[in-house]
C-alpha atoms as a PDB file:
ATOM      1  CA  MET A   1      62.583  69.899 131.550  1.00  0.00           C
ATOM      2  CA  THR A   2      63.314  72.441 128.808  1.00  0.00           C
ATOM      3  CA  ALA A   3      64.336  71.482 125.285  1.00  0.00           C
ATOM      4  CA  PHE A   4      67.836  72.849 125.975  1.00  0.00           C
ATOM      5  CA  THR A   5      68.227  70.643 129.056  1.00  0.00           C
ATOM      6  CA  ARG A   6      67.045  67.537 127.142  1.00  0.00           C
ATOM      7  CA  ALA A   7      69.605  68.281 124.445  1.00  0.00           C
ATOM      8  CA  LEU A   8      72.385  68.441 127.018  1.00  0.00           C
ATOM      9  CA  HIS A   9      71.370  65.014 128.349  1.00  0.00           C
ATOM     10  CA  ARG A  10      71.323  63.425 124.828  1.00  0.00           C
ATOM     11  CA  LYS A  11      74.877  64.392 123.795  1.00  0.00           C
ATOM     12  CA  PRO A  12      76.730  62.158 126.300  1.00  0.00           C
ATOM     13  CA  VAL A  13      74.529  59.244 125.273  1.00  0.00           C
ATOM     14  CA  ARG A  14      75.429  59.717 121.608  1.00  0.00           C
ATOM     15  CA  ARG A  15      79.101  60.022 122.480  1.00  0.00           C
ATOM     16  CA  ALA A  16      78.905  56.841 124.528  1.00  0.00           C
ATOM     17  CA  ALA A  17      77.195  55.030 121.672  1.00  0.00           C
ATOM     18  CA  ALA A  18      79.853  56.234 119.249  1.00  0.00           C
ATOM     19  CA  VAL A  19      82.623  55.078 121.572  1.00  0.00           C
ATOM     20  CA  GLY A  20      80.906  51.703 121.850  1.00  0.00           C
ATOM     21  CA  VAL A  21      80.784  51.315 118.062  1.00  0.00           C
ATOM     22  CA  VAL A  22      84.469  52.190 117.710  1.00  0.00           C
ATOM     23  CA  THR A  23      85.437  49.773 120.481  1.00  0.00           C
ATOM     24  CA  ALA A  24      83.356  46.976 118.951  1.00  0.00           C
ATOM     25  CA  GLY A  25      84.995  47.639 115.568  1.00  0.00           C
ATOM     26  CA  ALA A  26      88.451  47.439 117.111  1.00  0.00           C
ATOM     27  CA  LEU A  27      87.601  44.174 118.830  1.00  0.00           C
ATOM     28  CA  PHE A  28      86.224  42.755 115.584  1.00  0.00           C
ATOM     29  CA  LEU A  29      89.398  43.658 113.696  1.00  0.00           C
ATOM     30  CA  SER A  30      91.524  42.201 116.468  1.00  0.00           C
ATOM     31  CA  ALA A  31      89.512  39.006 116.397  1.00  0.00           C
ATOM     32  CA  CYS A  32      89.914  38.781 112.612  1.00  0.00           C
ATOM     33  CA  GLY A  33      93.636  39.222 113.014  1.00  0.00           C
ATOM     34  CA  ASP A  34      93.785  36.434 115.593  1.00  0.00           C
ATOM     35  CA  ASN A  35      91.711  34.138 113.398  1.00  0.00           C
ATOM     36  CA  GLY A  36      93.995  34.842 110.466  1.00  0.00           C
ATOM     37  CA  ASP A  37      96.962  33.815 112.569  1.00  0.00           C
ATOM     38  CA  ASP A  38      95.132  30.696 113.691  1.00  0.00           C
ATOM     39  CA  MET A  39      94.254  29.772 110.113  1.00  0.00           C
ATOM     40  CA  SER A  40      97.821  30.319 109.072  1.00  0.00           C
ATOM     41  CA  GLY A  41      98.896  28.026 111.851  1.00  0.00           C
ATOM     42  CA  MET A  42      96.410  25.415 110.693  1.00  0.00           C
ATOM     43  CA  ASP A  43      97.754  25.583 107.171  1.00  0.00           C
ATOM     44  CA  HIS A  44     101.280  24.999 108.422  1.00  0.00           C
ATOM     45  CA  GLY A  45     100.084  22.082 110.498  1.00  0.00           C
ATOM     46  CA  SER A  46      98.371  20.503 107.473  1.00  0.00           C
ATOM     47  CA  SER A  47     101.505  20.961 105.406  1.00  0.00           C
ATOM     48  CA  ASN A  48     103.616  19.350 108.107  1.00  0.00           C
ATOM     49  CA  SER A  49     101.213  16.403 108.320  1.00  0.00           C
ATOM     50  CA  SER A  50     101.379  15.866 104.559  1.00  0.00           C
ATOM     51  CA  ALA A  51     105.173  15.961 104.652  1.00  0.00           C
ATOM     52  CA  SER A  52     105.202  13.426 107.487  1.00  0.00           C
ATOM     53  CA  ALA A  53     102.844  11.121 105.587  1.00  0.00           C
ATOM     54  CA  SER A  54     105.024  11.322 102.478  1.00  0.00           C
ATOM     55  CA  ALA A  55     108.129  10.572 104.525  1.00  0.00           C
ATOM     56  CA  SER A  56     106.436   7.568 106.106  1.00  0.00           C
ATOM     57  CA  ALA A  57     105.323   6.227 102.714  1.00  0.00           C
ATOM     58  CA  GLU A  58     108.838   6.638 101.338  1.00  0.00           C
ATOM     59  CA  ALA A  59     110.321   4.859 104.345  1.00  0.00           C
ATOM     60  CA  GLY A  60     107.827   2.014 103.961  1.00  0.00           C
ATOM     61  CA  SER A  61     108.746   1.462 100.306  1.00  0.00           C
ATOM     62  CA  THR A  62     112.401   0.910 101.259  1.00  0.00           C
ATOM     63  CA  ASP A  63     111.608  -1.420 104.157  1.00  0.00           C
ATOM     64  CA  PHE A  64     113.165  -4.802 103.280  1.00  0.00           C
ATOM     65  CA  ASN A  65     115.128  -7.760 104.621  1.00  0.00           C
ATOM     66  CA  ASP A  66     117.526 -10.401 103.287  1.00  0.00           C
ATOM     67  CA  ALA A  67     114.638 -12.594 102.095  1.00  0.00           C
ATOM     68  CA  ASP A  68     113.387  -9.748  99.868  1.00  0.00           C
ATOM     69  CA  VAL A  69     116.846  -9.246  98.375  1.00  0.00           C
ATOM     70  CA  THR A  70     117.313 -12.966  97.718  1.00  0.00           C
ATOM     71  CA  PHE A  71     113.853 -13.212  96.170  1.00  0.00           C
ATOM     72  CA  ALA A  72     114.565 -10.403  93.695  1.00  0.00           C
ATOM     73  CA  GLN A  73     118.123 -11.519  92.897  1.00  0.00           C
ATOM     74  CA  MET A  74     117.039 -15.119  92.237  1.00  0.00           C
ATOM     75  CA  MET A  75     113.754 -14.391  90.479  1.00  0.00           C
ATOM     76  CA  ILE A  76     115.306 -12.017  87.918  1.00  0.00           C
ATOM     77  CA  PRO A  77     117.416 -14.701  86.141  1.00  0.00           C
ATOM     78  CA  HIS A  78     114.565 -17.183  86.625  1.00  0.00           C
ATOM     79  CA  HIS A  79     112.186 -14.850  84.782  1.00  0.00           C
ATOM     80  CA  GLU A  80     114.840 -14.144  82.144  1.00  0.00           C
ATOM     81  CA  GLN A  81     115.075 -17.830  81.290  1.00  0.00           C
ATOM     82  CA  ALA A  82     111.280 -18.108  81.144  1.00  0.00           C
ATOM     83  CA  LEU A  83     111.288 -15.212  78.657  1.00  0.00           C
ATOM     84  CA  GLU A  84     113.973 -16.954  76.603  1.00  0.00           C
ATOM     85  CA  MET A  85     111.844 -20.107  76.478  1.00  0.00           C
ATOM     86  CA  ALA A  86     108.705 -18.138  75.614  1.00  0.00           C
ATOM     87  CA  LYS A  87     110.426 -16.356  72.724  1.00  0.00           C
ATOM     88  CA  LEU A  88     111.464 -19.716  71.257  1.00  0.00           C
ATOM     89  CA  ALA A  89     107.781 -20.492  70.720  1.00  0.00           C
ATOM     90  CA  ASP A  90     107.678 -17.957  67.904  1.00  0.00           C
ATOM     91  CA  GLY A  91     108.117 -19.951  64.694  1.00  0.00           C
ATOM     92  CA  ARG A  92     108.442 -23.295  66.543  1.00  0.00           C
ATOM     93  CA  ALA A  93     105.178 -23.860  68.438  1.00  0.00           C
ATOM     94  CA  SER A  94     102.190 -25.253  66.559  1.00  0.00           C
ATOM     95  CA  ASP A  95      99.621 -25.443  69.377  1.00  0.00           C
ATOM     96  CA  SER A  96      97.518 -22.316  69.845  1.00  0.00           C
ATOM     97  CA  GLU A  97      97.429 -22.696  73.658  1.00  0.00           C
ATOM     98  CA  VAL A  98     101.198 -22.995  73.834  1.00  0.00           C
ATOM     99  CA  LYS A  99     101.517 -19.816  71.773  1.00  0.00           C
ATOM    100  CA  ASP A 100      99.013 -18.088  74.059  1.00  0.00           C
ATOM    101  CA  ILE A 101     100.857 -19.049  77.246  1.00  0.00           C
ATOM    102  CA  ALA A 102     104.190 -17.983  75.744  1.00  0.00           C
ATOM    103  CA  ALA A 103     102.711 -14.555  74.993  1.00  0.00           C
ATOM    104  CA  LYS A 104     101.300 -14.252  78.524  1.00  0.00           C
ATOM    105  CA  ILE A 105     104.676 -15.117  80.035  1.00  0.00           C
ATOM    106  CA  GLU A 106     106.349 -12.340  78.052  1.00  0.00           C
ATOM    107  CA  GLN A 107     103.670  -9.811  79.000  1.00  0.00           C
ATOM    108  CA  ALA A 108     103.820 -10.634  82.728  1.00  0.00           C
ATOM    109  CA  GLN A 109     107.447 -11.389  83.454  1.00  0.00           C
ATOM    110  CA  ASP A 110     109.292  -8.703  81.508  1.00  0.00           C
ATOM    111  CA  PRO A 111     107.713  -5.856  83.566  1.00  0.00           C
ATOM    112  CA  GLU A 112     108.346  -7.841  86.776  1.00  0.00           C
ATOM    113  CA  ILE A 113     112.044  -8.081  85.939  1.00  0.00           C
ATOM    114  CA  LYS A 114     112.252  -4.298  85.566  1.00  0.00           C
ATOM    115  CA  THR A 115     110.363  -3.815  88.844  1.00  0.00           C
ATOM    116  CA  MET A 116     112.690  -6.138  90.781  1.00  0.00           C
ATOM    117  CA  GLN A 117     115.762  -4.469  89.285  1.00  0.00           C
ATOM    118  CA  GLY A 118     114.343  -1.148  90.506  1.00  0.00           C
ATOM    119  CA  TRP A 119     113.897  -2.537  94.033  1.00  0.00           C
ATOM    120  CA  LEU A 120     117.470  -3.763  94.215  1.00  0.00           C
ATOM    121  CA  LYS A 121     118.770  -0.431  92.969  1.00  0.00           C
ATOM    122  CA  SER A 122     116.760   1.460  95.597  1.00  0.00           C
ATOM    123  CA  TRP A 123     118.019  -0.962  98.263  1.00  0.00           C
ATOM    124  CA  ASN A 124     121.637  -0.468  97.078  1.00  0.00           C
ATOM    125  CA  LYS A 125     121.944  -4.195  96.370  1.00  0.00           C
ATOM    126  CA  PRO A 126     123.457  -5.902  93.300  1.00  0.00           C
ATOM    127  CA  THR A 127     121.004  -7.299  90.766  1.00  0.00           C
ATOM    128  CA  ALA A 128     122.927 -10.585  90.605  1.00  0.00           C
ATOM    129  CA  ALA A 129     123.174 -13.043  93.484  1.00  0.00           C
ATOM    130  CA  GLU A 130     126.608 -13.580  95.024  1.00  0.00           C
ATOM    131  CA  SER A 131     128.775 -16.323  93.557  1.00  0.00           C
ATOM    132  CA  GLY A 132     127.896 -19.692  95.001  1.00  0.00           C
ATOM    133  CA  HIS A 133     124.244 -18.754  95.523  1.00  0.00           C
ATOM    134  CA  GLY A 134     123.108 -19.086  91.929  1.00  0.00           C
ATOM    135  CA  MET A 135     120.525 -21.453  90.551  1.00  0.00           C
ATOM    136  CA  ASP A 136     121.414 -24.774  89.012  1.00  0.00           C
ATOM    137  CA  HIS A 137     119.382 -27.317  87.093  1.00  0.00           C
ATOM    138  CA  GLY A 138     118.187 -30.037  89.427  1.00  0.00           C
ATOM    139  CA  SER A 139     118.350 -27.897  92.580  1.00  0.00           C
ATOM    140  CA  GLY A 140     114.565 -27.565  92.776  1.00  0.00           C
ATOM    141  CA  ASP A 141     114.421 -24.025  91.403  1.00  0.00           C
ATOM    142  CA  GLY A 142     113.176 -25.207  88.000  1.00  0.00           C
ATOM    143  CA  MET A 143     116.040 -23.691  86.027  1.00  0.00           C
ATOM    144  CA  MET A 144     116.927 -25.439  82.769  1.00  0.00           C
ATOM    145  CA  SER A 145     120.476 -26.391  81.861  1.00  0.00           C
ATOM    146  CA  ASP A 146     122.187 -25.059  78.756  1.00  0.00           C
ATOM    147  CA  ALA A 147     121.756 -28.499  77.193  1.00  0.00           C
ATOM    148  CA  ASP A 148     118.009 -28.385  77.883  1.00  0.00           C
ATOM    149  CA  MET A 149     117.725 -24.994  76.227  1.00  0.00           C
ATOM    150  CA  GLU A 150     119.691 -26.141  73.166  1.00  0.00           C
ATOM    151  CA  HIS A 151     117.487 -29.226  72.889  1.00  0.00           C
ATOM    152  CA  LEU A 152     114.337 -27.054  72.997  1.00  0.00           C
ATOM    153  CA  LYS A 153     115.739 -24.797  70.266  1.00  0.00           C
ATOM    154  CA  GLY A 154     116.069 -27.842  67.994  1.00  0.00           C
ATOM    155  CA  MET A 155     112.404 -28.838  68.394  1.00  0.00           C
ATOM    156  CA  LYS A 156     109.507 -27.784  66.165  1.00  0.00           C
ATOM    157  CA  GLY A 157     105.783 -28.392  65.894  1.00  0.00           C
ATOM    158  CA  ALA A 158     104.190 -30.942  68.256  1.00  0.00           C
ATOM    159  CA  GLU A 159     107.601 -32.017  69.607  1.00  0.00           C
ATOM    160  CA  PHE A 160     108.353 -28.436  70.614  1.00  0.00           C
ATOM    161  CA  ASP A 161     104.895 -28.018  72.164  1.00  0.00           C
ATOM    162  CA  LYS A 162     105.343 -31.106  74.358  1.00  0.00           C
ATOM    163  CA  MET A 163     108.859 -30.241  75.469  1.00  0.00           C
ATOM    164  CA  PHE A 164     107.966 -26.597  76.065  1.00  0.00           C
ATOM    165  CA  ALA A 165     104.977 -27.547  78.240  1.00  0.00           C
ATOM    166  CA  ASP A 166     106.979 -30.116  80.195  1.00  0.00           C
ATOM    167  CA  MET A 167     109.906 -27.759  80.807  1.00  0.00           C
ATOM    168  CA  MET A 168     107.723 -24.780  81.660  1.00  0.00           C
ATOM    169  CA  ILE A 169     105.779 -26.788  84.250  1.00  0.00           C
ATOM    170  CA  GLU A 170     109.064 -27.586  86.023  1.00  0.00           C
ATOM    171  CA  HIS A 171     110.226 -23.990  85.614  1.00  0.00           C
ATOM    172  CA  HIS A 172     106.978 -22.544  86.978  1.00  0.00           C
ATOM    173  CA  ASN A 173     106.971 -24.922  89.949  1.00  0.00           C
ATOM    174  CA  GLY A 174     110.440 -23.650  90.856  1.00  0.00           C
ATOM    175  CA  ALA A 175     109.219 -20.046  90.715  1.00  0.00           C
ATOM    176  CA  ILE A 176     106.156 -20.898  92.806  1.00  0.00           C
ATOM    177  CA  SER A 177     108.359 -22.465  95.489  1.00  0.00           C
ATOM    178  CA  MET A 178     110.612 -19.386  95.579  1.00  0.00           C
ATOM    179  CA  ALA A 179     107.597 -17.080  95.737  1.00  0.00           C
ATOM    180  CA  LYS A 180     106.084 -19.009  98.639  1.00  0.00           C
ATOM    181  CA  ASP A 181     109.366 -18.604 100.550  1.00  0.00           C
ATOM    182  CA  GLU A 182     109.108 -14.848  99.984  1.00  0.00           C
ATOM    183  CA  GLN A 183     105.490 -14.812 101.191  1.00  0.00           C
ATOM    184  CA  LYS A 184     106.615 -16.555 104.371  1.00  0.00           C
ATOM    185  CA  ASN A 185     109.856 -14.701 105.083  1.00  0.00           C
ATOM    186  CA  GLY A 186     109.765 -11.411 103.159  1.00  0.00           C
ATOM    187  CA  LYS A 187     109.296  -7.994 104.737  1.00  0.00           C
ATOM    188  CA  ASN A 188     108.780  -5.605 101.816  1.00  0.00           C
ATOM    189  CA  ALA A 189     105.060  -5.283 101.072  1.00  0.00           C
ATOM    190  CA  ASP A 190     105.542  -4.845  97.302  1.00  0.00           C
ATOM    191  CA  ALA A 191     107.828  -7.880  97.045  1.00  0.00           C
ATOM    192  CA  VAL A 192     105.451 -10.048  99.080  1.00  0.00           C
ATOM    193  CA  LYS A 193     102.560  -8.922  96.860  1.00  0.00           C
ATOM    194  CA  MET A 194     104.473  -9.805  93.693  1.00  0.00           C
ATOM    195  CA  ALA A 195     105.259 -13.203  95.194  1.00  0.00           C
ATOM    196  CA  GLY A 196     101.537 -13.747  95.710  1.00  0.00           C
ATOM    197  CA  ASP A 197     100.831 -12.755  92.109  1.00  0.00           C
ATOM    198  CA  ILE A 198     103.473 -15.231  90.893  1.00  0.00           C
ATOM    199  CA  VAL A 199     102.015 -18.060  92.963  1.00  0.00           C
ATOM    200  CA  GLU A 200      98.498 -17.373  91.687  1.00  0.00           C
ATOM    201  CA  GLY A 201      99.344 -16.703  88.038  1.00  0.00           C
ATOM    202  CA  GLN A 202     101.886 -19.458  87.500  1.00  0.00           C
ATOM    203  CA  SER A 203      99.850 -22.072  89.384  1.00  0.00           C
ATOM    204  CA  ALA A 204      97.022 -21.448  86.904  1.00  0.00           C
ATOM    205  CA  GLU A 205      99.452 -21.763  83.993  1.00  0.00           C
ATOM    206  CA  VAL A 206     100.833 -25.043  85.357  1.00  0.00           C
ATOM    207  CA  LYS A 207      97.309 -26.494  85.277  1.00  0.00           C
ATOM    208  CA  GLN A 208      96.818 -25.258  81.725  1.00  0.00           C
ATOM    209  CA  LEU A 209     100.189 -26.637  80.603  1.00  0.00           C
ATOM    210  CA  GLN A 210      99.395 -30.001  82.165  1.00  0.00           C
ATOM    211  CA  SER A 211      96.079 -30.125  80.273  1.00  0.00           C
ATOM    212  CA  ILE A 212      97.990 -29.387  77.067  1.00  0.00           C
ATOM    213  CA  LEU A 213     100.359 -32.296  77.734  1.00  0.00           C
ATOM    214  CA  ASP A 214      97.428 -34.591  78.474  1.00  0.00           C
ATOM    215  CA  ARG A 215      95.844 -33.976  75.064  1.00  0.00           C
ATOM    216  CA  LEU A 216      98.983 -33.787  72.887  1.00  0.00           C
END
């Protein structure tokens, strides 16, 4: 075969190779385009999943029943009276443990009041219980009467310490009973958790208060 003939045979091969390269490049670009679309679709799917998760979390935080509402409505004034009693210790209490417990009550219960008020607002429920469903001294809820509170205000030193410890034990036991009802019947996870914290924290304080009474 002459050199001219060999040259004629090479040209189609080169053209074919060139066509193959162009075709492969087109396929590569097409594939990249498809992958881009797929990735875009994946991003949208991830965004949708995040939105769904957020919606579910929001729905869960507003999940409640009548027991949750009653717990918050009743525990708010109960905590408020405990705070009133704790503040009386300033300038009246002489026992260091009594002063310490009074400070702990203020630190724990004031934030809980604000939290429960926030729940009721988000549930579109009033922060006060309906008339006729309030708490009265002697009903087992541990609430003190106005006369009890006035008597405590008139005490000072060891007399105040003894009366404070005695009254707070009764008050705490009322809160513990209410919290246990919420643990049993409540639906809202945050409210049930707070009830558990109240049972645990105030049960420990009852034991401490009783030990104070035993040594005074």
